[in-house]
Amino acid sequence: MPSLVVRNLDESIVNALKERAVKHHRSTEAEHRAILAEVLMKPQRKSFAEALTSIPAVGMESDFQRANDDTNESNVFD
């Protein structure tokens, strides 16, 4: 299995990693592996544009018009 060496880390990062490892009852190395796996192996989120294009086209514009849309005024609080 390959190894990864990370050099020149700020001491505060190392301390935060150690604290997080203690909280999760793991070694620092195991915590480091868990963080990398959590961040790098989770499914990619869709962009907003991808989410919009995945919405199916249903109905006609007239299906979504307000029933009492007789005026040109658009006051949603009336």
PDB file of N, CA and C in Angstrom:
ATOM      1  N   MET A   1       0.858  -1.178   0.000  1.00  0.00           N
ATOM      2  CA  MET A   1       0.000   0.000   0.000  1.00  0.00           C
ATOM      3  C   MET A   1       0.904   1.241   0.000  1.00  0.00           C
ATOM      4  N   PRO A   2       0.603   2.227  -0.847  1.00  0.00           N
ATOM      5  CA  PRO A   2       1.426   3.431  -0.915  1.00  0.00           C
ATOM      6  C   PRO A   2       1.357   4.237   0.379  1.00  0.00           C
ATOM      7  N   SER A   3       2.392   5.038   0.582  1.00  0.00           N
ATOM      8  CA  SER A   3       2.456   5.929   1.743  1.00  0.00           C
ATOM      9  C   SER A   3       2.442   7.366   1.274  1.00  0.00           C
ATOM     10  N   LEU A   4       2.075   8.240   2.179  1.00  0.00           N
ATOM     11  CA  LEU A   4       2.022   9.666   1.882  1.00  0.00           C
ATOM     12  C   LEU A   4       2.724  10.403   3.007  1.00  0.00           C
ATOM     13  N   VAL A   5       3.663  11.263   2.649  1.00  0.00           N
ATOM     14  CA  VAL A   5       4.368  12.075   3.632  1.00  0.00           C
ATOM     15  C   VAL A   5       3.984  13.531   3.380  1.00  0.00           C
ATOM     16  N   VAL A   6       3.562  14.200   4.420  1.00  0.00           N
ATOM     17  CA  VAL A   6       3.184  15.609   4.304  1.00  0.00           C
ATOM     18  C   VAL A   6       4.167  16.415   5.148  1.00  0.00           C
ATOM     19  N   ARG A   7       4.904  17.264   4.503  1.00  0.00           N
ATOM     20  CA  ARG A   7       5.925  18.054   5.200  1.00  0.00           C
ATOM     21  C   ARG A   7       5.472  19.494   5.380  1.00  0.00           C
ATOM     22  N   ASN A   8       6.144  20.168   6.278  1.00  0.00           N
ATOM     23  CA  ASN A   8       5.969  21.614   6.513  1.00  0.00           C
ATOM     24  C   ASN A   8       4.546  21.986   6.907  1.00  0.00           C
ATOM     25  N   LEU A   9       3.936  21.169   7.749  1.00  0.00           N
ATOM     26  CA  LEU A   9       2.615  21.501   8.266  1.00  0.00           C
ATOM     27  C   LEU A   9       2.740  22.464   9.436  1.00  0.00           C
ATOM     28  N   ASP A  10       1.794  23.365   9.529  1.00  0.00           N
ATOM     29  CA  ASP A  10       1.741  24.259  10.665  1.00  0.00           C
ATOM     30  C   ASP A  10       1.438  23.441  11.914  1.00  0.00           C
ATOM     31  N   GLU A  11       2.066  23.779  13.006  1.00  0.00           N
ATOM     32  CA  GLU A  11       1.883  23.019  14.250  1.00  0.00           C
ATOM     33  C   GLU A  11       0.429  23.002  14.706  1.00  0.00           C
ATOM     34  N   SER A  12      -0.306  24.061  14.427  1.00  0.00           N
ATOM     35  CA  SER A  12      -1.714  24.101  14.834  1.00  0.00           C
ATOM     36  C   SER A  12      -2.530  23.043  14.086  1.00  0.00           C
ATOM     37  N   ILE A  13      -2.170  22.754  12.855  1.00  0.00           N
ATOM     38  CA  ILE A  13      -2.866  21.722  12.085  1.00  0.00           C
ATOM     39  C   ILE A  13      -2.579  20.347  12.677  1.00  0.00           C
ATOM     40  N   VAL A  14      -1.327  20.116  13.021  1.00  0.00           N
ATOM     41  CA  VAL A  14      -0.943  18.835  13.624  1.00  0.00           C
ATOM     42  C   VAL A  14      -1.662  18.650  14.958  1.00  0.00           C
ATOM     43  N   ASN A  15      -1.730  19.696  15.749  1.00  0.00           N
ATOM     44  CA  ASN A  15      -2.415  19.610  17.035  1.00  0.00           C
ATOM     45  C   ASN A  15      -3.912  19.353  16.854  1.00  0.00           C
ATOM     46  N   ALA A  16      -4.514  20.007  15.878  1.00  0.00           N
ATOM     47  CA  ALA A  16      -5.939  19.800  15.610  1.00  0.00           C
ATOM     48  C   ALA A  16      -6.190  18.364  15.162  1.00  0.00           C
ATOM     49  N   LEU A  17      -5.281  17.822  14.355  1.00  0.00           N
ATOM     50  CA  LEU A  17      -5.406  16.433  13.912  1.00  0.00           C
ATOM     51  C   LEU A  17      -5.309  15.478  15.097  1.00  0.00           C
ATOM     52  N   LYS A  18      -4.370  15.747  15.988  1.00  0.00           N
ATOM     53  CA  LYS A  18      -4.214  14.894  17.172  1.00  0.00           C
ATOM     54  C   LYS A  18      -5.459  14.961  18.061  1.00  0.00           C
ATOM     55  N   GLU A  19      -6.003  16.153  18.256  1.00  0.00           N
ATOM     56  CA  GLU A  19      -7.203  16.313  19.077  1.00  0.00           C
ATOM     57  C   GLU A  19      -8.397  15.581  18.452  1.00  0.00           C
ATOM     58  N   ARG A  20      -8.517  15.698  17.153  1.00  0.00           N
ATOM     59  CA  ARG A  20      -9.621  15.028  16.458  1.00  0.00           C
ATOM     60  C   ARG A  20      -9.467  13.508  16.553  1.00  0.00           C
ATOM     61  N   ALA A  21      -8.240  13.028  16.454  1.00  0.00           N
ATOM     62  CA  ALA A  21      -7.980  11.590  16.564  1.00  0.00           C
ATOM     63  C   ALA A  21      -8.376  11.074  17.942  1.00  0.00           C
ATOM     64  N   VAL A  22      -8.034  11.817  18.978  1.00  0.00           N
ATOM     65  CA  VAL A  22      -8.404  11.414  20.341  1.00  0.00           C
ATOM     66  C   VAL A  22      -9.923  11.371  20.479  1.00  0.00           C
ATOM     67  N   LYS A  23     -10.589  12.372  19.930  1.00  0.00           N
ATOM     68  CA  LYS A  23     -12.055  12.438  20.015  1.00  0.00           C
ATOM     69  C   LYS A  23     -12.713  11.232  19.345  1.00  0.00           C
ATOM     70  N   HIS A  24     -12.106  10.739  18.265  1.00  0.00           N
ATOM     71  CA  HIS A  24     -12.666   9.607  17.524  1.00  0.00           C
ATOM     72  C   HIS A  24     -12.034   8.268  17.910  1.00  0.00           C
ATOM     73  N   HIS A  25     -11.223   8.278  18.959  1.00  0.00           N
ATOM     74  CA  HIS A  25     -10.584   7.052  19.464  1.00  0.00           C
ATOM     75  C   HIS A  25      -9.753   6.359  18.389  1.00  0.00           C
ATOM     76  N   ARG A  26      -8.966   7.145  17.672  1.00  0.00           N
ATOM     77  CA  ARG A  26      -8.111   6.615  16.618  1.00  0.00           C
ATOM     78  C   ARG A  26      -6.705   7.152  16.799  1.00  0.00           C
ATOM     79  N   SER A  27      -5.774   6.505  16.132  1.00  0.00           N
ATOM     80  CA  SER A  27      -4.417   7.045  16.087  1.00  0.00           C
ATOM     81  C   SER A  27      -4.426   8.262  15.161  1.00  0.00           C
ATOM     82  N   THR A  28      -3.406   9.061  15.257  1.00  0.00           N
ATOM     83  CA  THR A  28      -3.304  10.244  14.394  1.00  0.00           C
ATOM     84  C   THR A  28      -3.246   9.814  12.929  1.00  0.00           C
ATOM     85  N   GLU A  29      -2.513   8.752  12.663  1.00  0.00           N
ATOM     86  CA  GLU A  29      -2.403   8.254  11.287  1.00  0.00           C
ATOM     87  C   GLU A  29      -3.749   7.755  10.771  1.00  0.00           C
ATOM     88  N   ALA A  30      -4.486   7.035  11.601  1.00  0.00           N
ATOM     89  CA  ALA A  30      -5.809   6.544  11.194  1.00  0.00           C
ATOM     90  C   ALA A  30      -6.771   7.706  10.966  1.00  0.00           C
ATOM     91  N   GLU A  31      -6.670   8.728  11.791  1.00  0.00           N
ATOM     92  CA  GLU A  31      -7.526   9.914  11.611  1.00  0.00           C
ATOM     93  C   GLU A  31      -7.197  10.614  10.300  1.00  0.00           C
ATOM     94  N   HIS A  32      -5.920  10.704   9.999  1.00  0.00           N
ATOM     95  CA  HIS A  32      -5.477  11.318   8.747  1.00  0.00           C
ATOM     96  C   HIS A  32      -6.057  10.542   7.560  1.00  0.00           C
ATOM     97  N   ARG A  33      -6.001   9.213   7.603  1.00  0.00           N
ATOM     98  CA  ARG A  33      -6.575   8.396   6.534  1.00  0.00           C
ATOM     99  C   ARG A  33      -8.085   8.611   6.431  1.00  0.00           C
ATOM    100  N   ALA A  34      -8.751   8.680   7.576  1.00  0.00           N
ATOM    101  CA  ALA A  34     -10.204   8.864   7.585  1.00  0.00           C
ATOM    102  C   ALA A  34     -10.601  10.204   6.974  1.00  0.00           C
ATOM    103  N   ILE A  35      -9.857  11.247   7.298  1.00  0.00           N
ATOM    104  CA  ILE A  35     -10.150  12.577   6.745  1.00  0.00           C
ATOM    105  C   ILE A  35      -9.954  12.576   5.235  1.00  0.00           C
ATOM    106  N   LEU A  36      -8.851  11.999   4.772  1.00  0.00           N
ATOM    107  CA  LEU A  36      -8.600  11.944   3.326  1.00  0.00           C
ATOM    108  C   LEU A  36      -9.691  11.161   2.611  1.00  0.00           C
ATOM    109  N   ALA A  37     -10.076  10.022   3.160  1.00  0.00           N
ATOM    110  CA  ALA A  37     -11.125   9.215   2.537  1.00  0.00           C
ATOM    111  C   ALA A  37     -12.454   9.963   2.530  1.00  0.00           C
ATOM    112  N   GLU A  38     -12.792  10.619   3.638  1.00  0.00           N
ATOM    113  CA  GLU A  38     -14.062  11.346   3.743  1.00  0.00           C
ATOM    114  C   GLU A  38     -14.150  12.448   2.703  1.00  0.00           C
ATOM    115  N   VAL A  39     -13.072  13.173   2.518  1.00  0.00           N
ATOM    116  CA  VAL A  39     -13.086  14.312   1.612  1.00  0.00           C
ATOM    117  C   VAL A  39     -12.940  13.895   0.155  1.00  0.00           C
ATOM    118  N   LEU A  40     -12.073  12.939  -0.105  1.00  0.00           N
ATOM    119  CA  LEU A  40     -11.750  12.611  -1.489  1.00  0.00           C
ATOM    120  C   LEU A  40     -12.623  11.529  -2.106  1.00  0.00           C
ATOM    121  N   MET A  41     -13.247  10.686  -1.311  1.00  0.00           N
ATOM    122  CA  MET A  41     -13.998   9.562  -1.852  1.00  0.00           C
ATOM    123  C   MET A  41     -15.506   9.773  -1.859  1.00  0.00           C
ATOM    124  N   LYS A  42     -15.987  10.885  -1.312  1.00  0.00           N
ATOM    125  CA  LYS A  42     -17.434  11.106  -1.321  1.00  0.00           C
ATOM    126  C   LYS A  42     -17.869  11.491  -2.737  1.00  0.00           C
ATOM    127  N   PRO A  43     -19.115  11.185  -3.078  1.00  0.00           N
ATOM    128  CA  PRO A  43     -19.592  11.509  -4.426  1.00  0.00           C
ATOM    129  C   PRO A  43     -19.543  13.017  -4.677  1.00  0.00           C
ATOM    130  N   GLN A  44     -19.220  13.365  -5.893  1.00  0.00           N
ATOM    131  CA  GLN A  44     -19.174  14.778  -6.275  1.00  0.00           C
ATOM    132  C   GLN A  44     -20.586  15.353  -6.266  1.00  0.00           C
ATOM    133  N   ARG A  45     -20.724  16.577  -5.774  1.00  0.00           N
ATOM    134  CA  ARG A  45     -22.023  17.246  -5.786  1.00  0.00           C
ATOM    135  C   ARG A  45     -22.277  17.802  -7.178  1.00  0.00           C
ATOM    136  N   LYS A  46     -23.542  17.830  -7.551  1.00  0.00           N
ATOM    137  CA  LYS A  46     -23.916  18.435  -8.822  1.00  0.00           C
ATOM    138  C   LYS A  46     -23.799  19.944  -8.718  1.00  0.00           C
ATOM    139  N   SER A  47     -23.439  20.576  -9.816  1.00  0.00           N
ATOM    140  CA  SER A  47     -23.461  22.029  -9.857  1.00  0.00           C
ATOM    141  C   SER A  47     -24.918  22.475  -9.923  1.00  0.00           C
ATOM    142  N   PHE A  48     -25.162  23.740  -9.657  1.00  0.00           N
ATOM    143  CA  PHE A  48     -26.522  24.274  -9.718  1.00  0.00           C
ATOM    144  C   PHE A  48     -27.089  24.098 -11.121  1.00  0.00           C
ATOM    145  N   ALA A  49     -26.269  24.350 -12.137  1.00  0.00           N
ATOM    146  CA  ALA A  49     -26.724  24.208 -13.521  1.00  0.00           C
ATOM    147  C   ALA A  49     -27.087  22.755 -13.820  1.00  0.00           C
ATOM    148  N   GLU A  50     -26.292  21.802 -13.331  1.00  0.00           N
ATOM    149  CA  GLU A  50     -26.594  20.385 -13.546  1.00  0.00           C
ATOM    150  C   GLU A  50     -27.897  19.994 -12.851  1.00  0.00           C
ATOM    151  N   ALA A  51     -28.112  20.521 -11.656  1.00  0.00           N
ATOM    152  CA  ALA A  51     -29.347  20.228 -10.935  1.00  0.00           C
ATOM    153  C   ALA A  51     -30.559  20.769 -11.685  1.00  0.00           C
ATOM    154  N   LEU A  52     -30.433  21.973 -12.223  1.00  0.00           N
ATOM    155  CA  LEU A  52     -31.551  22.558 -12.974  1.00  0.00           C
ATOM    156  C   LEU A  52     -31.846  21.781 -14.248  1.00  0.00           C
ATOM    157  N   THR A  53     -30.794  21.373 -14.958  1.00  0.00           N
ATOM    158  CA  THR A  53     -31.030  20.648 -16.208  1.00  0.00           C
ATOM    159  C   THR A  53     -31.548  19.237 -15.977  1.00  0.00           C
ATOM    160  N   SER A  54     -31.406  18.719 -14.775  1.00  0.00           N
ATOM    161  CA  SER A  54     -31.902  17.369 -14.495  1.00  0.00           C
ATOM    162  C   SER A  54     -33.388  17.365 -14.113  1.00  0.00           C
ATOM    163  N   ILE A  55     -33.980  18.552 -13.919  1.00  0.00           N
ATOM    164  CA  ILE A  55     -35.412  18.635 -13.609  1.00  0.00           C
ATOM    165  C   ILE A  55     -36.191  18.332 -14.890  1.00  0.00           C
ATOM    166  N   PRO A  56     -37.109  17.371 -14.851  1.00  0.00           N
ATOM    167  CA  PRO A  56     -37.839  17.021 -16.077  1.00  0.00           C
ATOM    168  C   PRO A  56     -38.764  18.146 -16.514  1.00  0.00           C
ATOM    169  N   ALA A  57     -38.912  18.284 -17.825  1.00  0.00           N
ATOM    170  CA  ALA A  57     -39.820  19.281 -18.396  1.00  0.00           C
ATOM    171  C   ALA A  57     -41.218  18.689 -18.398  1.00  0.00           C
ATOM    172  N   VAL A  58     -42.080  19.208 -17.539  1.00  0.00           N
ATOM    173  CA  VAL A  58     -43.446  18.690 -17.464  1.00  0.00           C
ATOM    174  C   VAL A  58     -44.430  19.850 -17.561  1.00  0.00           C
ATOM    175  N   GLY A  59     -45.534  19.614 -18.223  1.00  0.00           N
ATOM    176  CA  GLY A  59     -46.587  20.612 -18.282  1.00  0.00           C
ATOM    177  C   GLY A  59     -46.298  21.741 -19.246  1.00  0.00           C
ATOM    178  N   MET A  60     -47.269  22.588 -19.361  1.00  0.00           N
ATOM    179  CA  MET A  60     -47.173  23.775 -20.208  1.00  0.00           C
ATOM    180  C   MET A  60     -47.111  24.995 -19.299  1.00  0.00           C
ATOM    181  N   GLU A  61     -46.664  26.116 -19.834  1.00  0.00           N
ATOM    182  CA  GLU A  61     -46.604  27.335 -19.031  1.00  0.00           C
ATOM    183  C   GLU A  61     -47.971  27.695 -18.475  1.00  0.00           C
ATOM    184  N   SER A  62     -49.008  27.442 -19.240  1.00  0.00           N
ATOM    185  CA  SER A  62     -50.363  27.775 -18.792  1.00  0.00           C
ATOM    186  C   SER A  62     -50.769  26.941 -17.569  1.00  0.00           C
ATOM    187  N   ASP A  63     -50.149  25.781 -17.384  1.00  0.00           N
ATOM    188  CA  ASP A  63     -50.434  24.954 -16.211  1.00  0.00           C
ATOM    189  C   ASP A  63     -49.971  25.626 -14.915  1.00  0.00           C
ATOM    190  N   PHE A  64     -49.052  26.518 -15.028  1.00  0.00           N
ATOM    191  CA  PHE A  64     -48.445  27.124 -13.847  1.00  0.00           C
ATOM    192  C   PHE A  64     -48.870  28.567 -13.617  1.00  0.00           C
ATOM    193  N   GLN A  65     -49.819  29.075 -14.389  1.00  0.00           N
ATOM    194  CA  GLN A  65     -50.301  30.438 -14.195  1.00  0.00           C
ATOM    195  C   GLN A  65     -51.276  30.464 -13.031  1.00  0.00           C
ATOM    196  N   ARG A  66     -51.322  31.619 -12.349  1.00  0.00           N
ATOM    197  CA  ARG A  66     -52.244  31.778 -11.236  1.00  0.00           C
ATOM    198  C   ARG A  66     -53.677  31.807 -11.749  1.00  0.00           C
ATOM    199  N   ALA A  67     -54.585  31.221 -10.996  1.00  0.00           N
ATOM    200  CA  ALA A  67     -55.986  31.145 -11.409  1.00  0.00           C
ATOM    201  C   ALA A  67     -56.619  32.521 -11.490  1.00  0.00           C
ATOM    202  N   ASN A  68     -56.226  33.446 -10.623  1.00  0.00           N
ATOM    203  CA  ASN A  68     -56.833  34.788 -10.609  1.00  0.00           C
ATOM    204  C   ASN A  68     -55.858  35.818 -11.168  1.00  0.00           C
ATOM    205  N   ASP A  69     -55.162  35.484 -12.214  1.00  0.00           N
ATOM    206  CA  ASP A  69     -54.152  36.374 -12.800  1.00  0.00           C
ATOM    207  C   ASP A  69     -54.786  37.239 -13.888  1.00  0.00           C
ATOM    208  N   ASP A  70     -55.830  38.023 -13.501  1.00  0.00           N
ATOM    209  CA  ASP A  70     -56.561  38.841 -14.469  1.00  0.00           C
ATOM    210  C   ASP A  70     -55.916  40.195 -14.697  1.00  0.00           C
ATOM    211  N   THR A  71     -55.110  40.668 -13.755  1.00  0.00           N
ATOM    212  CA  THR A  71     -54.539  42.005 -13.853  1.00  0.00           C
ATOM    213  C   THR A  71     -53.045  41.911 -14.178  1.00  0.00           C
ATOM    214  N   ASN A  72     -52.512  43.056 -14.538  1.00  0.00           N
ATOM    215  CA  ASN A  72     -51.074  43.124 -14.820  1.00  0.00           C
ATOM    216  C   ASN A  72     -50.279  43.371 -13.533  1.00  0.00           C
ATOM    217  N   GLU A  73     -50.983  43.694 -12.465  1.00  0.00           N
ATOM    218  CA  GLU A  73     -50.296  43.925 -11.196  1.00  0.00           C
ATOM    219  C   GLU A  73     -49.911  42.576 -10.595  1.00  0.00           C
ATOM    220  N   SER A  74     -48.738  42.533  -9.996  1.00  0.00           N
ATOM    221  CA  SER A  74     -48.309  41.279  -9.370  1.00  0.00           C
ATOM    222  C   SER A  74     -48.000  41.508  -7.917  1.00  0.00           C
ATOM    223  N   ASN A  75     -49.044  41.577  -7.104  1.00  0.00           N
ATOM    224  CA  ASN A  75     -48.869  41.735  -5.677  1.00  0.00           C
ATOM    225  C   ASN A  75     -49.180  40.385  -5.022  1.00  0.00           C
ATOM    226  N   VAL A  76     -48.161  39.704  -4.585  1.00  0.00           N
ATOM    227  CA  VAL A  76     -48.348  38.351  -4.054  1.00  0.00           C
ATOM    228  C   VAL A  76     -49.027  38.335  -2.691  1.00  0.00           C
ATOM    229  N   PHE A  77     -49.193  39.495  -2.052  1.00  0.00           N
ATOM    230  CA  PHE A  77     -49.754  39.558  -0.717  1.00  0.00           C
ATOM    231  C   PHE A  77     -51.257  39.846  -0.728  1.00  0.00           C
ATOM    232  N   ASP A  78     -51.844  40.006  -1.882  1.00  0.00           N
ATOM    233  CA  ASP A  78     -53.300  40.239  -1.979  1.00  0.00           C
ATOM    234  C   ASP A  78     -54.044  38.941  -2.043  1.00  0.00           C
TER     235      ASP A  78
END
